[in-house]
Amino acid sequence: MVRVTSHKRWYHGSSKLGAQTILAEGIIRPGMPTKYRQDIPREDAVYVTSDKEIAMGYMEKGGTVFEVEVDESKLIPDEDIVFAMLEESLRPKTKLLEDRVLSDWAKYSFGVYGDRKPLTKKQAMQRFVFLAEKNMEDPFTIELAEEMKDFVEWIAEKNPKLAKDLITYGETAAHLGPVRVVREAK
């Protein structure tokens, strides 16, 4: 996975129900109840952020923001950030980070059509657009969300520098496995 040492504090926003369990156990486990019904988060991870305000955005009414201790070697980028980078690369003025994600998407998508030559960035982007449009037609499909999760794992394994940059840029990450609660964030 990715070692990220630029952040000293990590946070997790929780619902009221989740907060009760978290306070009782002192840890946040993957797979705990979530407010999401589609684009369901990874079942093997706890989502964390280095920005307390972002954590507050995930906190439901009556919920709590926790400061948590993470094993930074178990952090991978949040797939929502990767999706946003691919969306941004559709625009004419692509930034360097978005271009790096698009390049890796093309490498990741190699062989998806059964051929033996790598996809161009344009072909890879067409594949992304197809998946996104399919997701918009049927909002309950999980194909795009699952593809982004797989792509994030691919990035973490094949391009740890990009993974670290995405975590730093987005200020969010998926922590594979449970995290220990340090305290309720004030």
Protein backbone atom coordinates (compact mmCIF):
# COMPACT_ATOMS: atom_id res chain seq x y z
CA MET A 1 0.00 0.00 0.00
CA VAL A 2 1.08 3.60 0.39
CA ARG A 3 3.10 5.34 3.09
CA VAL A 4 1.82 8.91 3.57
CA THR A 5 3.61 10.94 6.18
CA SER A 6 2.37 14.43 5.41
CA HIS A 7 -0.62 14.28 7.79
CA LYS A 8 -0.44 13.97 11.55
CA ARG A 9 -4.17 13.72 12.28
CA TRP A 10 -6.85 11.69 10.57
CA TYR A 11 -10.61 11.92 11.13
CA HIS A 12 -13.74 9.88 10.48
CA GLY A 13 -17.32 11.22 10.48
CA SER A 14 -20.01 8.89 11.78
CA SER A 15 -23.77 8.61 12.18
CA LYS A 16 -25.37 8.69 15.63
CA LEU A 17 -25.91 4.91 15.57
CA GLY A 18 -22.37 4.26 14.34
CA ALA A 19 -20.93 6.61 16.96
CA GLN A 20 -22.51 4.65 19.80
CA THR A 21 -20.90 1.42 18.60
CA ILE A 22 -17.58 3.14 17.93
CA LEU A 23 -17.49 4.69 21.42
CA ALA A 24 -18.28 1.34 23.02
CA GLU A 25 -15.62 -0.57 21.04
CA GLY A 26 -12.92 2.11 20.64
CA ILE A 27 -12.33 1.10 17.02
CA ILE A 28 -13.98 1.68 13.67
CA ARG A 29 -14.31 -1.49 11.69
CA PRO A 30 -14.84 -1.85 7.95
CA GLY A 31 -18.39 -2.75 7.02
CA MET A 32 -20.07 -0.78 9.80
CA PRO A 33 -23.48 0.76 8.96
CA THR A 34 -23.28 3.59 6.43
CA LYS A 35 -25.65 6.20 5.06
CA TYR A 36 -24.85 5.13 1.49
CA ARG A 37 -27.27 2.97 -0.46
CA GLN A 38 -25.56 3.12 -3.86
CA ASP A 39 -21.89 3.47 -4.67
CA ILE A 40 -21.46 1.54 -1.46
CA PRO A 41 -18.07 2.11 0.14
CA ARG A 42 -15.42 -0.58 0.25
CA GLU A 43 -16.36 -3.36 2.64
CA ASP A 44 -12.72 -3.86 3.63
CA ALA A 45 -11.89 -0.27 4.55
CA VAL A 46 -12.66 2.67 6.80
CA TYR A 47 -12.70 6.07 5.06
CA VAL A 48 -10.61 8.74 6.73
CA THR A 49 -9.67 12.34 6.02
CA SER A 50 -6.97 14.70 7.17
CA ASP A 51 -9.48 17.57 7.13
CA LYS A 52 -11.87 17.75 10.10
CA GLU A 53 -14.32 19.83 8.03
CA ILE A 54 -14.55 17.05 5.43
CA ALA A 55 -15.23 14.54 8.22
CA MET A 56 -18.01 16.79 9.50
CA GLY A 57 -19.57 16.62 6.03
CA TYR A 58 -19.84 12.83 6.37
CA MET A 59 -21.25 13.05 9.88
CA GLU A 60 -25.01 12.63 10.03
CA LYS A 61 -27.26 14.63 12.38
CA GLY A 62 -26.42 13.64 15.93
CA GLY A 63 -23.25 11.90 14.76
CA THR A 64 -19.68 12.39 15.82
CA VAL A 65 -16.32 13.14 14.26
CA PHE A 66 -13.53 11.00 15.65
CA GLU A 67 -9.81 11.54 15.52
CA VAL A 68 -8.36 8.17 14.56
CA GLU A 69 -4.98 6.47 14.48
CA VAL A 70 -4.16 4.91 11.12
CA ASP A 71 -1.48 2.59 9.86
CA GLU A 72 -0.36 4.70 6.93
CA SER A 73 0.94 1.64 5.10
CA LYS A 74 -2.71 0.56 4.78
CA LEU A 75 -3.95 3.75 3.11
CA ILE A 76 -5.11 3.76 -0.50
CA PRO A 77 -6.71 6.65 -2.40
CA ASP A 78 -10.44 7.24 -2.05
CA GLU A 79 -12.04 6.02 -5.29
CA ASP A 80 -14.22 9.17 -5.41
CA ILE A 81 -11.08 11.29 -5.88
CA VAL A 82 -9.90 9.04 -8.72
CA PHE A 83 -13.34 9.26 -10.36
CA ALA A 84 -13.26 13.07 -10.04
CA MET A 85 -9.79 13.16 -11.64
CA LEU A 86 -11.02 11.13 -14.61
CA GLU A 87 -14.05 13.41 -14.93
CA GLU A 88 -11.77 16.46 -14.88
CA SER A 89 -9.59 14.97 -17.61
CA LEU A 90 -12.62 15.28 -19.94
CA ARG A 91 -12.18 19.04 -19.82
CA PRO A 92 -9.84 20.75 -22.29
CA LYS A 93 -7.36 22.11 -19.73
CA THR A 94 -6.22 19.01 -17.91
CA LYS A 95 -3.89 19.47 -14.96
CA LEU A 96 -0.85 17.30 -14.37
CA LEU A 97 -2.43 15.13 -11.66
CA GLU A 98 -5.53 14.43 -13.77
CA ASP A 99 -3.29 13.56 -16.72
CA ARG A 100 -1.31 11.10 -14.57
CA VAL A 101 -4.57 9.41 -13.48
CA LEU A 102 -5.74 9.24 -17.10
CA SER A 103 -2.42 7.71 -18.18
CA ASP A 104 -2.74 5.04 -15.51
CA TRP A 105 -6.39 4.44 -16.47
CA ALA A 106 -5.19 3.69 -20.01
CA LYS A 107 -2.59 1.25 -18.63
CA TYR A 108 -5.13 -0.32 -16.27
CA SER A 109 -7.64 -0.73 -19.11
CA PHE A 110 -5.13 -2.64 -21.25
CA GLY A 111 -6.70 -5.72 -22.78
CA VAL A 112 -10.24 -4.80 -21.79
CA TYR A 113 -11.36 -5.27 -25.38
CA GLY A 114 -9.43 -8.51 -25.78
CA ASP A 115 -6.75 -7.01 -27.97
CA ARG A 116 -3.05 -7.05 -27.28
CA LYS A 117 -2.20 -3.42 -27.70
CA PRO A 118 -2.53 -0.75 -25.04
CA LEU A 119 -5.39 1.72 -25.18
CA THR A 120 -4.67 5.29 -26.12
CA LYS A 121 -5.74 7.94 -23.62
CA LYS A 122 -8.65 8.75 -25.93
CA GLN A 123 -9.81 5.12 -26.02
CA ALA A 124 -9.42 4.82 -22.25
CA MET A 125 -11.47 7.98 -21.78
CA GLN A 126 -14.17 6.59 -24.08
CA ARG A 127 -14.32 3.51 -21.85
CA PHE A 128 -14.67 5.72 -18.75
CA VAL A 129 -17.45 7.77 -20.39
CA PHE A 130 -19.26 4.56 -21.36
CA LEU A 131 -19.13 3.28 -17.76
CA ALA A 132 -20.23 6.68 -16.40
CA GLU A 133 -23.16 6.93 -18.83
CA LYS A 134 -24.21 3.37 -17.99
CA ASN A 135 -24.14 4.34 -14.32
CA MET A 136 -26.31 7.42 -15.00
CA GLU A 137 -28.91 5.33 -16.88
CA ASP A 138 -29.18 2.89 -13.99
CA PRO A 139 -28.20 4.65 -10.75
CA PHE A 140 -28.36 1.36 -8.85
CA THR A 141 -25.64 -0.27 -10.91
CA ILE A 142 -22.44 -0.81 -8.99
CA GLU A 143 -20.24 -1.55 -12.00
CA LEU A 144 -18.58 1.88 -12.11
CA ALA A 145 -18.06 2.00 -8.33
CA GLU A 146 -16.50 -1.46 -8.36
CA GLU A 147 -14.31 -0.54 -11.34
CA MET A 148 -13.03 2.54 -9.48
CA LYS A 149 -12.23 0.44 -6.40
CA ASP A 150 -10.29 -2.04 -8.53
CA PHE A 151 -8.49 0.80 -10.31
CA VAL A 152 -7.49 2.37 -6.97
CA GLU A 153 -5.98 -0.94 -5.85
CA TRP A 154 -4.11 -1.11 -9.17
CA ILE A 155 -2.75 2.43 -8.65
CA ALA A 156 -1.66 1.63 -5.07
CA GLU A 157 0.23 -1.44 -6.30
CA LYS A 158 1.65 -0.19 -9.61
CA ASN A 159 2.13 3.53 -8.95
CA PRO A 160 2.52 4.27 -5.20
CA LYS A 161 3.77 7.81 -5.91
CA LEU A 162 0.50 8.65 -7.69
CA ALA A 163 -1.46 6.99 -4.88
CA LYS A 164 0.33 9.14 -2.30
CA ASP A 165 -0.24 12.28 -4.38
CA LEU A 166 -3.97 11.49 -4.68
CA ILE A 167 -4.30 10.99 -0.92
CA THR A 168 -2.46 14.24 -0.25
CA TYR A 169 -4.45 16.17 -2.87
CA GLY A 170 -7.87 14.81 -1.91
CA GLU A 171 -7.20 14.77 1.84
CA THR A 172 -9.17 11.51 1.98
CA ALA A 173 -8.22 7.86 1.91
CA ALA A 174 -9.54 4.37 2.43
CA HIS A 175 -7.78 2.60 5.30
CA LEU A 176 -7.70 -1.14 4.70
CA GLY A 177 -8.79 -2.66 7.98
CA PRO A 178 -9.96 -1.13 11.26
CA VAL A 179 -8.70 2.10 12.81
CA ARG A 180 -8.31 2.89 16.48
CA VAL A 181 -10.23 5.84 17.91
CA VAL A 182 -7.95 8.38 19.62
CA ARG A 183 -10.75 10.68 20.82
CA GLU A 184 -13.86 12.54 19.77
CA ALA A 185 -12.71 15.50 17.71
CA LYS A 186 -13.52 18.87 19.25
